C-alpha atoms as a PDB file:
ATOM      1  CA  MET A   1     104.252 146.749  76.877  1.00  0.00           C
ATOM      2  CA  GLN A   2     104.857 143.525  74.914  1.00  0.00           C
ATOM      3  CA  PHE A   3     104.450 141.382  78.267  1.00  0.00           C
ATOM      4  CA  PHE A   4     100.821 142.410  78.645  1.00  0.00           C
ATOM      5  CA  SER A   5      99.624 141.734  75.225  1.00  0.00           C
ATOM      6  CA  ASN A   6      97.178 139.536  74.033  1.00  0.00           C
ATOM      7  CA  THR A   7      96.073 137.908  77.366  1.00  0.00           C
ATOM      8  CA  HIS A   8      93.559 135.894  78.124  1.00  0.00           C
ATOM      9  CA  ILE A   9      92.933 136.045  81.900  1.00  0.00           C
ATOM     10  CA  ASP A  10      89.672 135.998  83.818  1.00  0.00           C
ATOM     11  CA  PHE A  11      89.785 138.732  85.680  1.00  0.00           C
ATOM     12  CA  LEU A  12      85.591 138.697  86.172  1.00  0.00           C
ATOM     13  CA  GLY A  13      86.125 135.232  87.511  1.00  0.00           C
ATOM     14  CA  LYS A  14      88.294 136.377  90.363  1.00  0.00           C
ATOM     15  CA  ARG A  15      85.670 139.074  91.442  1.00  0.00           C
ATOM     16  CA  LYS A  16      84.729 137.649  94.451  1.00  0.00           C
ATOM     17  CA  THR A  17      88.305 137.522  95.976  1.00  0.00           C
ATOM     18  CA  PHE A  18      88.565 141.096  95.500  1.00  0.00           C
ATOM     19  CA  TYR A  19      85.337 141.604  97.037  1.00  0.00           C
ATOM     20  CA  VAL A  20      86.402 140.322 100.215  1.00  0.00           C
ATOM     21  CA  VAL A  21      89.923 141.690 100.301  1.00  0.00           C
ATOM     22  CA  SER A  22      88.064 145.248  99.602  1.00  0.00           C
ATOM     23  CA  LEU A  23      85.666 144.324 102.321  1.00  0.00           C
ATOM     24  CA  VAL A  24      88.567 143.844 104.933  1.00  0.00           C
ATOM     25  CA  VAL A  25      90.478 146.633 104.535  1.00  0.00           C
ATOM     26  CA  THR A  26      87.562 148.660 104.621  1.00  0.00           C
ATOM     27  CA  ILE A  27      85.895 147.503 107.766  1.00  0.00           C
ATOM     28  CA  ALA A  28      89.518 147.679 109.256  1.00  0.00           C
ATOM     29  CA  GLY A  29      89.643 151.197 108.199  1.00  0.00           C
ATOM     30  CA  ILE A  30      86.657 152.829 109.499  1.00  0.00           C
ATOM     31  CA  ALA A  31      86.732 150.405 113.026  1.00  0.00           C
ATOM     32  CA  ALA A  32      90.454 152.172 113.504  1.00  0.00           C
ATOM     33  CA  ALA A  33      88.603 155.550 112.607  1.00  0.00           C
ATOM     34  CA  LEU A  34      85.868 154.879 115.064  1.00  0.00           C
ATOM     35  CA  LEU A  35      88.166 153.405 117.937  1.00  0.00           C
ATOM     36  CA  ARG A  36      91.093 155.978 117.431  1.00  0.00           C
ATOM     37  CA  GLY A  37      89.564 158.970 115.444  1.00  0.00           C
ATOM     38  CA  VAL A  38      90.597 160.824 112.359  1.00  0.00           C
ATOM     39  CA  GLU A  39      93.722 163.121 112.761  1.00  0.00           C
ATOM     40  CA  LEU A  40      92.233 166.601 111.604  1.00  0.00           C
ATOM     41  CA  GLY A  41      94.785 169.004 110.054  1.00  0.00           C
ATOM     42  CA  ILE A  42      94.473 172.627 111.150  1.00  0.00           C
ATOM     43  CA  ASP A  43      93.093 173.093 107.796  1.00  0.00           C
ATOM     44  CA  PHE A  44      89.736 171.469 109.268  1.00  0.00           C
ATOM     45  CA  GLU A  45      89.958 171.899 112.601  1.00  0.00           C
ATOM     46  CA  GLY A  46      91.579 175.495 113.429  1.00  0.00           C
ATOM     47  CA  GLY A  47      94.575 176.165 115.146  1.00  0.00           C
ATOM     48  CA  VAL A  48      98.361 176.745 114.513  1.00  0.00           C
ATOM     49  CA  GLN A  49     101.311 174.948 112.969  1.00  0.00           C
ATOM     50  CA  GLY A  50     104.756 176.451 112.785  1.00  0.00           C
ATOM     51  CA  GLU A  51     107.741 174.537 110.425  1.00  0.00           C
ATOM     52  CA  ILE A  52     111.186 175.265 112.078  1.00  0.00           C
ATOM     53  CA  ARG A  53     114.516 174.272 110.715  1.00  0.00           C
ATOM     54  CA  PHE A  54     117.480 174.198 113.144  1.00  0.00           C
ATOM     55  CA  SER A  55     121.089 174.243 112.676  1.00  0.00           C
ATOM     56  CA  VAL A  56     121.908 172.257 115.661  1.00  0.00           C
ATOM     57  CA  GLU A  57     120.501 169.017 116.661  1.00  0.00           C
ATOM     58  CA  PRO A  58     116.359 169.099 118.232  1.00  0.00           C
ATOM     59  CA  ASP A  59     115.742 167.552 121.286  1.00  0.00           C
ATOM     60  CA  ILE A  60     111.954 167.487 121.268  1.00  0.00           C
ATOM     61  CA  GLY A  61     111.414 167.349 124.492  1.00  0.00           C
ATOM     62  CA  THR A  62     112.683 170.642 125.535  1.00  0.00           C
ATOM     63  CA  ILE A  63     111.127 172.172 122.336  1.00  0.00           C
ATOM     64  CA  ARG A  64     107.696 171.364 123.725  1.00  0.00           C
ATOM     65  CA  GLY A  65     108.611 172.184 126.937  1.00  0.00           C
ATOM     66  CA  ALA A  66     109.278 175.500 125.980  1.00  0.00           C
ATOM     67  CA  ILE A  67     106.284 176.246 123.819  1.00  0.00           C
ATOM     68  CA  THR A  68     104.049 174.794 126.424  1.00  0.00           C
ATOM     69  CA  ASP A  69     105.626 177.178 128.805  1.00  0.00           C
ATOM     70  CA  ALA A  70     104.855 179.991 126.372  1.00  0.00           C
ATOM     71  CA  GLY A  71     101.336 179.425 126.347  1.00  0.00           C
ATOM     72  CA  PHE A  72     100.713 176.925 123.330  1.00  0.00           C
ATOM     73  CA  ASP A  73      98.612 174.258 125.524  1.00  0.00           C
ATOM     74  CA  GLY A  74      98.381 171.140 123.850  1.00  0.00           C
ATOM     75  CA  ALA A  75     101.341 171.622 121.727  1.00  0.00           C
ATOM     76  CA  GLU A  76     102.189 168.766 119.273  1.00  0.00           C
ATOM     77  CA  VAL A  77     105.818 168.454 118.019  1.00  0.00           C
ATOM     78  CA  LYS A  78     106.934 166.438 115.547  1.00  0.00           C
ATOM     79  CA  SER A  79     110.336 165.384 113.889  1.00  0.00           C
ATOM     80  CA  GLY A  80     110.198 166.200 109.945  1.00  0.00           C
ATOM     81  CA  SER A  81     113.583 165.009 109.331  1.00  0.00           C
ATOM     82  CA  ASP A  82     116.899 165.122 111.213  1.00  0.00           C
ATOM     83  CA  SER A  83     116.804 169.414 111.418  1.00  0.00           C
ATOM     84  CA  ASP A  84     113.268 169.957 110.948  1.00  0.00           C
ATOM     85  CA  ILE A  85     110.570 170.113 113.549  1.00  0.00           C
ATOM     86  CA  ILE A  86     106.788 170.492 112.930  1.00  0.00           C
ATOM     87  CA  ILE A  87     104.700 172.334 115.760  1.00  0.00           C
ATOM     88  CA  ARG A  88     100.830 171.586 115.586  1.00  0.00           C
ATOM     89  CA  VAL A  89      98.613 173.808 118.047  1.00  0.00           C
ATOM     90  CA  LYS A  90      94.542 172.759 117.672  1.00  0.00           C
ATOM     91  CA  ASN A  91      91.968 175.076 118.056  1.00  0.00           C
ATOM     92  CA  GLN A  92      94.548 177.499 119.297  1.00  0.00           C
ATOM     93  CA  LYS A  93      93.311 180.639 120.380  1.00  0.00           C
ATOM     94  CA  GLU A  94      94.415 184.375 120.676  1.00  0.00           C
ATOM     95  CA  PRO A  95      92.463 186.523 122.693  1.00  0.00           C
ATOM     96  CA  GLU A  96      93.816 189.678 121.218  1.00  0.00           C
ATOM     97  CA  VAL A  97      92.740 189.649 117.844  1.00  0.00           C
ATOM     98  CA  SER A  98      90.033 187.635 115.588  1.00  0.00           C
ATOM     99  CA  THR A  99      91.215 185.268 113.047  1.00  0.00           C
ATOM    100  CA  THR A 100      87.767 185.901 110.669  1.00  0.00           C
ATOM    101  CA  ASP A 101      89.685 187.976 108.335  1.00  0.00           C
ATOM    102  CA  ALA A 102      92.436 188.182 106.017  1.00  0.00           C
ATOM    103  CA  SER A 103      93.799 191.192 108.137  1.00  0.00           C
ATOM    104  CA  ALA A 104      93.427 189.724 111.550  1.00  0.00           C
ATOM    105  CA  THR A 105      94.920 186.277 110.758  1.00  0.00           C
ATOM    106  CA  THR A 106      97.749 188.404 109.287  1.00  0.00           C
ATOM    107  CA  SER A 107      98.151 189.918 112.967  1.00  0.00           C
ATOM    108  CA  VAL A 108      97.786 186.559 114.816  1.00  0.00           C
ATOM    109  CA  SER A 109     100.587 185.203 112.261  1.00  0.00           C
ATOM    110  CA  GLU A 110     102.637 188.323 113.943  1.00  0.00           C
ATOM    111  CA  VAL A 111     101.976 187.350 117.837  1.00  0.00           C
ATOM    112  CA  LEU A 112     102.061 184.183 117.036  1.00  0.00           C
ATOM    113  CA  SER A 113     105.495 183.892 115.308  1.00  0.00           C
ATOM    114  CA  LYS A 114     106.937 186.322 118.150  1.00  0.00           C
ATOM    115  CA  ARG A 115     105.581 184.400 120.924  1.00  0.00           C
ATOM    116  CA  LEU A 116     107.363 180.949 119.317  1.00  0.00           C
ATOM    117  CA  THR A 117     110.362 182.931 118.565  1.00  0.00           C
ATOM    118  CA  ASP A 118     110.992 183.871 121.956  1.00  0.00           C
ATOM    119  CA  ALA A 119     109.931 180.387 123.038  1.00  0.00           C
ATOM    120  CA  LEU A 120     112.540 178.761 121.211  1.00  0.00           C
ATOM    121  CA  GLU A 121     115.428 181.802 121.666  1.00  0.00           C
ATOM    122  CA  THR A 122     114.944 180.659 125.122  1.00  0.00           C
ATOM    123  CA  ALA A 123     115.217 177.182 124.823  1.00  0.00           C
ATOM    124  CA  TYR A 124     118.223 177.653 122.162  1.00  0.00           C
ATOM    125  CA  PRO A 125     119.737 181.230 122.874  1.00  0.00           C
ATOM    126  CA  THR A 126     122.598 182.457 120.385  1.00  0.00           C
ATOM    127  CA  ASN A 127     125.224 184.665 121.685  1.00  0.00           C
ATOM    128  CA  LYS A 128     125.757 187.972 120.272  1.00  0.00           C
ATOM    129  CA  GLY A 129     127.238 188.030 116.744  1.00  0.00           C
ATOM    130  CA  GLU A 130     125.834 184.235 116.291  1.00  0.00           C
ATOM    131  CA  PRO A 131     123.315 183.279 113.465  1.00  0.00           C
ATOM    132  CA  LYS A 132     120.209 181.863 114.961  1.00  0.00           C
ATOM    133  CA  LYS A 133     120.144 178.405 115.772  1.00  0.00           C
ATOM    134  CA  PHE A 134     116.821 178.022 114.291  1.00  0.00           C
ATOM    135  CA  GLU A 135     114.218 179.331 111.350  1.00  0.00           C
ATOM    136  CA  ILE A 136     110.345 179.677 111.249  1.00  0.00           C
ATOM    137  CA  ARG A 137     109.946 178.209 107.838  1.00  0.00           C
ATOM    138  CA  ASP A 138     106.316 178.545 107.625  1.00  0.00           C
ATOM    139  CA  LEU A 139     103.623 179.494 110.193  1.00  0.00           C
ATOM    140  CA  ARG A 140     100.026 178.629 108.918  1.00  0.00           C
ATOM    141  CA  VAL A 141      97.123 180.312 111.296  1.00  0.00           C
ATOM    142  CA  VAL A 142      93.490 179.287 110.657  1.00  0.00           C
ATOM    143  CA  GLY A 143      90.436 180.291 113.032  1.00  0.00           C
ATOM    144  CA  PRO A 144      88.143 177.671 114.425  1.00  0.00           C
ATOM    145  CA  LYS A 145      84.862 178.994 112.144  1.00  0.00           C
ATOM    146  CA  ILE A 146      87.186 179.034 108.807  1.00  0.00           C
ATOM    147  CA  GLY A 147      88.220 175.028 109.279  1.00  0.00           C
ATOM    148  CA  LYS A 148      84.949 174.398 110.006  1.00  0.00           C
ATOM    149  CA  GLU A 149      83.672 175.850 106.672  1.00  0.00           C
ATOM    150  CA  LEU A 150      86.469 174.592 105.069  1.00  0.00           C
ATOM    151  CA  ARG A 151      85.212 170.920 106.422  1.00  0.00           C
ATOM    152  CA  ASN A 152      81.910 171.601 105.175  1.00  0.00           C
ATOM    153  CA  GLN A 153      82.870 172.674 101.810  1.00  0.00           C
ATOM    154  CA  ALA A 154      85.394 169.671 101.413  1.00  0.00           C
ATOM    155  CA  LEU A 155      82.505 167.116 101.995  1.00  0.00           C
ATOM    156  CA  TRP A 156      80.330 169.230  99.369  1.00  0.00           C
ATOM    157  CA  ALA A 157      82.754 169.179  96.988  1.00  0.00           C
ATOM    158  CA  VAL A 158      83.427 165.569  97.110  1.00  0.00           C
ATOM    159  CA  LEU A 159      79.455 164.579  96.701  1.00  0.00           C
ATOM    160  CA  ALA A 160      78.912 167.246  94.175  1.00  0.00           C
ATOM    161  CA  SER A 161      81.733 165.296  92.164  1.00  0.00           C
ATOM    162  CA  VAL A 162      79.968 161.926  92.621  1.00  0.00           C
ATOM    163  CA  ILE A 163      76.566 163.121  91.657  1.00  0.00           C
ATOM    164  CA  ALA A 164      78.084 164.705  88.730  1.00  0.00           C
ATOM    165  CA  ILE A 165      80.406 161.549  87.669  1.00  0.00           C
ATOM    166  CA  LEU A 166      76.822 159.668  87.866  1.00  0.00           C
ATOM    167  CA  PHE A 167      75.044 161.665  85.494  1.00  0.00           C
ATOM    168  CA  TYR A 168      77.882 161.585  83.093  1.00  0.00           C
ATOM    169  CA  ILE A 169      78.100 157.776  82.751  1.00  0.00           C
ATOM    170  CA  THR A 170      74.236 157.399  82.583  1.00  0.00           C
ATOM    171  CA  PHE A 171      74.025 159.383  79.819  1.00  0.00           C
ATOM    172  CA  ARG A 172      77.330 158.294  77.955  1.00  0.00           C
ATOM    173  CA  PHE A 173      76.418 154.372  78.780  1.00  0.00           C
ATOM    174  CA  GLU A 174      73.579 152.802  80.852  1.00  0.00           C
ATOM    175  CA  TRP A 175      72.242 153.207  84.077  1.00  0.00           C
ATOM    176  CA  VAL A 176      73.496 150.389  85.554  1.00  0.00           C
ATOM    177  CA  TYR A 177      77.079 151.435  84.005  1.00  0.00           C
ATOM    178  CA  GLY A 178      76.180 154.398  86.148  1.00  0.00           C
ATOM    179  CA  LEU A 179      76.202 152.788  89.321  1.00  0.00           C
ATOM    180  CA  ALA A 180      79.062 150.418  89.072  1.00  0.00           C
ATOM    181  CA  ALA A 181      80.963 153.795  88.154  1.00  0.00           C
ATOM    182  CA  ILE A 182      79.965 155.103  91.635  1.00  0.00           C
ATOM    183  CA  THR A 183      79.927 151.832  93.535  1.00  0.00           C
ATOM    184  CA  ALA A 184      83.816 152.151  91.740  1.00  0.00           C
ATOM    185  CA  LEU A 185      84.451 155.391  93.284  1.00  0.00           C
ATOM    186  CA  LEU A 186      83.193 155.367  96.561  1.00  0.00           C
ATOM    187  CA  HIS A 187      85.600 151.800  97.091  1.00  0.00           C
ATOM    188  CA  ASP A 188      88.796 153.825  96.156  1.00  0.00           C
ATOM    189  CA  VAL A 189      87.514 156.661  98.301  1.00  0.00           C
ATOM    190  CA  LEU A 190      86.945 153.726 101.395  1.00  0.00           C
ATOM    191  CA  VAL A 191      89.785 151.708 100.894  1.00  0.00           C
ATOM    192  CA  ALA A 192      92.367 154.714 100.497  1.00  0.00           C
ATOM    193  CA  PHE A 193      90.963 156.748 103.447  1.00  0.00           C
ATOM    194  CA  SER A 194      91.035 153.048 105.511  1.00  0.00           C
ATOM    195  CA  PHE A 195      94.827 152.689 104.222  1.00  0.00           C
ATOM    196  CA  THR A 196      95.663 156.215 105.542  1.00  0.00           C
ATOM    197  CA  VAL A 197      93.625 155.824 109.044  1.00  0.00           C
ATOM    198  CA  LEU A 198      95.395 152.495 109.576  1.00  0.00           C
ATOM    199  CA  CYS A 199      98.918 153.500 108.488  1.00  0.00           C
ATOM    200  CA  ASN A 200      98.928 156.951 110.283  1.00  0.00           C
ATOM    201  CA  GLY A 201      97.910 154.620 113.572  1.00  0.00           C
ATOM    202  CA  LEU A 202     100.281 151.780 113.216  1.00  0.00           C
ATOM    203  CA  LEU A 203     102.965 153.147 111.281  1.00  0.00           C
ATOM    204  CA  GLY A 204     102.875 156.904 112.627  1.00  0.00           C
ATOM    205  CA  LEU A 205     103.282 158.504 109.096  1.00  0.00           C
ATOM    206  CA  ASN A 206     101.717 161.773 110.348  1.00  0.00           C
ATOM    207  CA  LEU A 207      98.762 161.229 107.721  1.00  0.00           C
ATOM    208  CA  GLU A 208      96.414 163.856 108.658  1.00  0.00           C
ATOM    209  CA  MET A 209      93.302 164.970 106.997  1.00  0.00           C
ATOM    210  CA  ASN A 210      94.144 168.242 105.276  1.00  0.00           C
ATOM    211  CA  GLN A 211      93.242 170.365 102.439  1.00  0.00           C
ATOM    212  CA  ALA A 212      96.406 168.547 100.380  1.00  0.00           C
ATOM    213  CA  MET A 213      94.550 165.109 101.065  1.00  0.00           C
ATOM    214  CA  LEU A 214      91.341 166.061 100.520  1.00  0.00           C
ATOM    215  CA  ALA A 215      92.770 166.886  96.844  1.00  0.00           C
ATOM    216  CA  ALA A 216      94.514 163.722  96.358  1.00  0.00           C
ATOM    217  CA  PHE A 217      90.811 162.068  97.334  1.00  0.00           C
ATOM    218  CA  LEU A 218      89.259 163.920  94.377  1.00  0.00           C
ATOM    219  CA  THR A 219      92.126 163.148  91.654  1.00  0.00           C
ATOM    220  CA  VAL A 220      91.834 160.049  92.735  1.00  0.00           C
ATOM    221  CA  LEU A 221      88.429 160.029  91.338  1.00  0.00           C
ATOM    222  CA  GLY A 222      89.399 161.299  88.239  1.00  0.00           C
ATOM    223  CA  PHE A 223      92.131 158.691  87.646  1.00  0.00           C
ATOM    224  CA  SER A 224      89.756 156.365  88.491  1.00  0.00           C
ATOM    225  CA  ILE A 225      86.694 157.368  86.689  1.00  0.00           C
ATOM    226  CA  ASN A 226      89.158 157.498  83.761  1.00  0.00           C
ATOM    227  CA  ASP A 227      89.926 153.622  83.769  1.00  0.00           C
ATOM    228  CA  THR A 228      86.456 153.061  83.913  1.00  0.00           C
ATOM    229  CA  VAL A 229      85.319 154.825  81.204  1.00  0.00           C
ATOM    230  CA  ILE A 230      87.988 153.467  78.492  1.00  0.00           C
ATOM    231  CA  ILE A 231      87.138 149.755  79.978  1.00  0.00           C
ATOM    232  CA  PHE A 232      83.767 150.702  79.758  1.00  0.00           C
ATOM    233  CA  ASP A 233      84.468 151.992  76.162  1.00  0.00           C
ATOM    234  CA  ARG A 234      85.943 149.055  74.985  1.00  0.00           C
ATOM    235  CA  ILE A 235      83.157 147.373  76.062  1.00  0.00           C
ATOM    236  CA  ARG A 236      80.537 149.070  74.155  1.00  0.00           C
ATOM    237  CA  GLU A 237      82.800 149.022  71.028  1.00  0.00           C
ATOM    238  CA  ASN A 238      83.328 145.238  71.283  1.00  0.00           C
ATOM    239  CA  LYS A 239      79.380 144.735  71.276  1.00  0.00           C
ATOM    240  CA  THR A 240      79.040 146.136  68.247  1.00  0.00           C
ATOM    241  CA  ILE A 241      82.167 144.124  66.856  1.00  0.00           C
ATOM    242  CA  HIS A 242      81.430 140.658  68.531  1.00  0.00           C
ATOM    243  CA  ARG A 243      77.529 140.471  68.618  1.00  0.00           C
ATOM    244  CA  GLY A 244      76.006 137.903  69.941  1.00  0.00           C
ATOM    245  CA  GLU A 245      78.898 137.428  72.261  1.00  0.00           C
ATOM    246  CA  ASN A 246      78.229 136.375  76.065  1.00  0.00           C
ATOM    247  CA  LEU A 247      78.937 139.560  77.827  1.00  0.00           C
ATOM    248  CA  LEU A 248      81.206 138.122  80.645  1.00  0.00           C
ATOM    249  CA  MET A 249      83.134 136.757  77.774  1.00  0.00           C
ATOM    250  CA  LEU A 250      82.819 140.250  75.876  1.00  0.00           C
ATOM    251  CA  MET A 251      83.760 141.900  79.173  1.00  0.00           C
ATOM    252  CA  ASN A 252      86.956 139.802  80.089  1.00  0.00           C
ATOM    253  CA  ARG A 253      87.950 140.442  76.225  1.00  0.00           C
ATOM    254  CA  SER A 254      87.920 143.934  77.085  1.00  0.00           C
ATOM    255  CA  ILE A 255      89.437 144.110  80.150  1.00  0.00           C
ATOM    256  CA  ASN A 256      92.414 142.127  78.756  1.00  0.00           C
ATOM    257  CA  GLU A 257      92.542 144.249  75.229  1.00  0.00           C
ATOM    258  CA  VAL A 258      93.095 147.585  77.296  1.00  0.00           C
ATOM    259  CA  LEU A 259      95.325 145.857  79.923  1.00  0.00           C
ATOM    260  CA  PRO A 260      98.713 147.486  78.050  1.00  0.00           C
ATOM    261  CA  ARG A 261      97.402 150.910  78.398  1.00  0.00           C
ATOM    262  CA  THR A 262      95.890 150.458  82.090  1.00  0.00           C
ATOM    263  CA  ILE A 263      99.608 149.032  83.478  1.00  0.00           C
ATOM    264  CA  ASN A 264     101.717 151.598  81.142  1.00  0.00           C
ATOM    265  CA  THR A 265      99.816 154.434  82.487  1.00  0.00           C
ATOM    266  CA  SER A 266      99.522 153.257  86.426  1.00  0.00           C
ATOM    267  CA  LEU A 267     103.108 152.177  86.659  1.00  0.00           C
ATOM    268  CA  THR A 268     104.301 155.460  85.298  1.00  0.00           C
ATOM    269  CA  ILE A 269     102.083 157.105  88.330  1.00  0.00           C
ATOM    270  CA  ILE A 270     103.313 155.228  90.870  1.00  0.00           C
ATOM    271  CA  LEU A 271     107.107 155.728  90.239  1.00  0.00           C
ATOM    272  CA  VAL A 272     106.081 159.443  90.325  1.00  0.00           C
ATOM    273  CA  LEU A 273     104.670 159.430  93.602  1.00  0.00           C
ATOM    274  CA  ALA A 274     106.434 156.870  95.160  1.00  0.00           C
ATOM    275  CA  VAL A 275     109.461 159.375  94.469  1.00  0.00           C
ATOM    276  CA  LEU A 276     107.188 162.091  95.664  1.00  0.00           C
ATOM    277  CA  LEU A 277     106.484 160.069  99.197  1.00  0.00           C
ATOM    278  CA  ILE A 278     110.424 159.607  99.616  1.00  0.00           C
ATOM    279  CA  PHE A 279     111.377 163.057  99.253  1.00  0.00           C
ATOM    280  CA  SER A 280     108.512 165.184  99.893  1.00  0.00           C
ATOM    281  CA  GLY A 281     109.017 164.733 103.476  1.00  0.00           C
ATOM    282  CA  ASP A 282     106.120 166.109 105.811  1.00  0.00           C
ATOM    283  CA  VAL A 283     104.509 168.659 103.982  1.00  0.00           C
ATOM    284  CA  LEU A 284     103.215 166.066 101.098  1.00  0.00           C
ATOM    285  CA  ARG A 285     103.211 163.140 102.663  1.00  0.00           C
ATOM    286  CA  GLY A 286      99.907 162.726 102.985  1.00  0.00           C
ATOM    287  CA  PHE A 287      98.941 163.828  99.527  1.00  0.00           C
ATOM    288  CA  ALA A 288     101.494 161.315  98.249  1.00  0.00           C
ATOM    289  CA  PHE A 289     100.654 158.634  99.882  1.00  0.00           C
ATOM    290  CA  THR A 290      96.741 159.121  99.254  1.00  0.00           C
ATOM    291  CA  MET A 291      97.461 159.361  95.947  1.00  0.00           C
ATOM    292  CA  LEU A 292      99.709 156.257  95.477  1.00  0.00           C
ATOM    293  CA  ILE A 293      97.138 154.161  97.628  1.00  0.00           C
ATOM    294  CA  GLY A 294      94.383 155.850  95.217  1.00  0.00           C
ATOM    295  CA  VAL A 295      95.823 155.270  92.172  1.00  0.00           C
ATOM    296  CA  ILE A 296      96.274 151.210  93.140  1.00  0.00           C
ATOM    297  CA  THR A 297      92.836 150.779  94.156  1.00  0.00           C
ATOM    298  CA  GLY A 298      91.704 152.935  91.375  1.00  0.00           C
ATOM    299  CA  THR A 299      93.307 150.457  88.728  1.00  0.00           C
ATOM    300  CA  TYR A 300      92.423 147.503  90.272  1.00  0.00           C
ATOM    301  CA  SER A 301      88.256 148.369  91.125  1.00  0.00           C
ATOM    302  CA  SER A 302      87.602 149.341  87.475  1.00  0.00           C
ATOM    303  CA  ILE A 303      88.273 145.672  86.645  1.00  0.00           C
ATOM    304  CA  TYR A 304      87.244 143.869  89.838  1.00  0.00           C
ATOM    305  CA  ILE A 305      84.837 146.495  90.988  1.00  0.00           C
ATOM    306  CA  ALA A 306      82.739 148.343  88.179  1.00  0.00           C
ATOM    307  CA  SER A 307      82.967 146.070  85.672  1.00  0.00           C
ATOM    308  CA  SER A 308      82.200 143.025  88.253  1.00  0.00           C
ATOM    309  CA  PHE A 309      79.012 145.499  89.803  1.00  0.00           C
ATOM    310  CA  VAL A 310      77.825 145.000  85.800  1.00  0.00           C
ATOM    311  CA  ILE A 311      78.009 141.311  85.707  1.00  0.00           C
ATOM    312  CA  ASP A 312      76.522 140.796  89.039  1.00  0.00           C
ATOM    313  CA  THR A 313      73.473 143.011  88.584  1.00  0.00           C
ATOM    314  CA  MET A 314      73.026 141.755  85.288  1.00  0.00           C
ATOM    315  CA  ILE A 315      72.564 138.163  86.743  1.00  0.00           C
ATOM    316  CA  ARG A 316      70.721 138.918  89.339  1.00  0.00           C
ATOM    317  CA  ARG A 317      68.587 140.559  86.719  1.00  0.00           C
ATOM    318  CA  GLY A 318      68.654 137.775  84.732  1.00  0.00           C
ATOM    319  CA  LYS A 319      69.644 139.110  82.006  1.00  0.00           C
ATOM    320  CA  LEU A 320      73.354 136.802  81.953  1.00  0.00           C
ATOM    321  CA  ASP A 321      72.821 133.073  82.712  1.00  0.00           C
ATOM    322  CA  ARG A 322      74.767 131.461  85.861  1.00  0.00           C
ATOM    323  CA  ASN A 323      76.596 129.133  83.618  1.00  0.00           C
ATOM    324  CA  ALA A 324      78.314 131.836  81.708  1.00  0.00           C
ATOM    325  CA  GLU A 325      81.215 132.006  83.957  1.00  0.00           C
ATOM    326  CA  GLY A 326      81.783 128.076  83.656  1.00  0.00           C
ATOM    327  CA  ASP A 327      81.786 128.676  79.304  1.00  0.00           C
ATOM    328  CA  PHE A 328      84.421 131.381  79.764  1.00  0.00           C
ATOM    329  CA  LYS A 329      86.409 129.458  81.944  1.00  0.00           C
ATOM    330  CA  GLU A 330      86.941 126.717  79.136  1.00  0.00           C
ATOM    331  CA  HIS A 331      87.587 129.595  77.074  1.00  0.00           C
ATOM    332  CA  VAL A 332      90.015 130.603  78.725  1.00  0.00           C
ATOM    333  CA  VAL A 333      91.889 127.365  79.139  1.00  0.00           C
ATOM    334  CA  GLU A 334      91.598 126.666  75.402  1.00  0.00           C
ATOM    335  CA  ALA A 335      93.194 130.290  74.216  1.00  0.00           C
ATOM    336  CA  ARG A 336      96.006 129.547  76.537  1.00  0.00           C
ATOM    337  CA  GLN A 337      96.564 126.144  75.394  1.00  0.00           C
ATOM    338  CA  ALA A 338      96.328 127.212  71.422  1.00  0.00           C
ATOM    339  CA  ARG A 339      98.854 130.287  72.612  1.00  0.00           C
ATOM    340  CA  LYS A 340     101.093 127.613  74.074  1.00  0.00           C
ATOM    341  CA  ALA A 341     100.930 125.456  70.984  1.00  0.00           C
ATOM    342  CA  GLY A 342     101.691 128.623  68.662  1.00  0.00           C
ATOM    343  CA  ARG A 343     104.926 128.865  70.913  1.00  0.00           C
ATOM    344  CA  VAL A 344     106.115 125.418  70.557  1.00  0.00           C
ATOM    345  CA  THR A 345     105.263 125.680  66.956  1.00  0.00           C
ATOM    346  CA  THR A 346     107.435 129.522  66.113  1.00  0.00           C
ATOM    347  CA  SER A 347     109.886 127.551  68.457  1.00  0.00           C
ATOM    348  CA  ALA A 348     110.315 124.690  66.451  1.00  0.00           C
ATOM    349  CA  GLY A 349     110.217 126.365  63.130  1.00  0.00           C
ATOM    350  CA  ALA A 350     113.199 128.580  64.177  1.00  0.00           C
ATOM    351  CA  GLU A 351     114.955 125.652  65.260  1.00  0.00           C
ATOM    352  CA  ALA A 352     114.608 123.918  61.701  1.00  0.00           C
END
């Protein structure tokens, strides 16, 4: 991207501003999670979820009353689109069969599907010879024990990923870079989680924590660490090329050099995720939204969190002069003036 080539942006000089922004968003999200709770999907909590498509305009109140009368206590009915309805029943228990194995789950699905069909037929009866006014497109059943196991496995998956990344970065670079990468990853997960909780509560986007959202969080970890490694690799290369250069100046130089690649990659993914978020419907909305926020935060955390962590750690350990920031700002001003003068000279030559 030509627009972002040959830049001299003082990224690390603005790191404290982004510290504050990230901290505010994270605190707000955690506070919302503590006050409102995190909405868990049936994958992690157990229950029944059905997706029904109507050929007539559905009335949520009528549907809720019909399925409650059929024994689906505490049913949650949401509108997926003009003709689609999502029915969720958390911790639904069926006394006739167990949900601890695959065959039993099939039996439960059959029993609950018939109960749900009968309830909807009562609310939306059809005459003989006419097609049904609704269609059960999907019905999922997860037992409480299985939901708890999936929840525990999800936590272990995230923890194992973070530990593996820490060892990899520490082995490839230095321990301070490993800690910086982990700090950026934790930041990405917390910010994405915070936005999910806040938007679910304030905007009602139906963003529940399920396996698809877990996959999004793990994908965000991979995307973010990829961006971070690219920047750290360029820093290591420039340490050899520009020996003796101030670390702050060298890191800013490295970030500016990889900026076109970072912007191109991120914008491409963001455009795809935006389309997915708009057209995917309720099923993939949580995945697309979490990925979208995660890609954005992962892009700037590689610059403003991971790289900034290295700088601040070096300053605290006395390996970087605190006056280095002032020296770099002077360098940025001089570079901008030289670039501007070059443009003026080029324009004057063209006119001549």
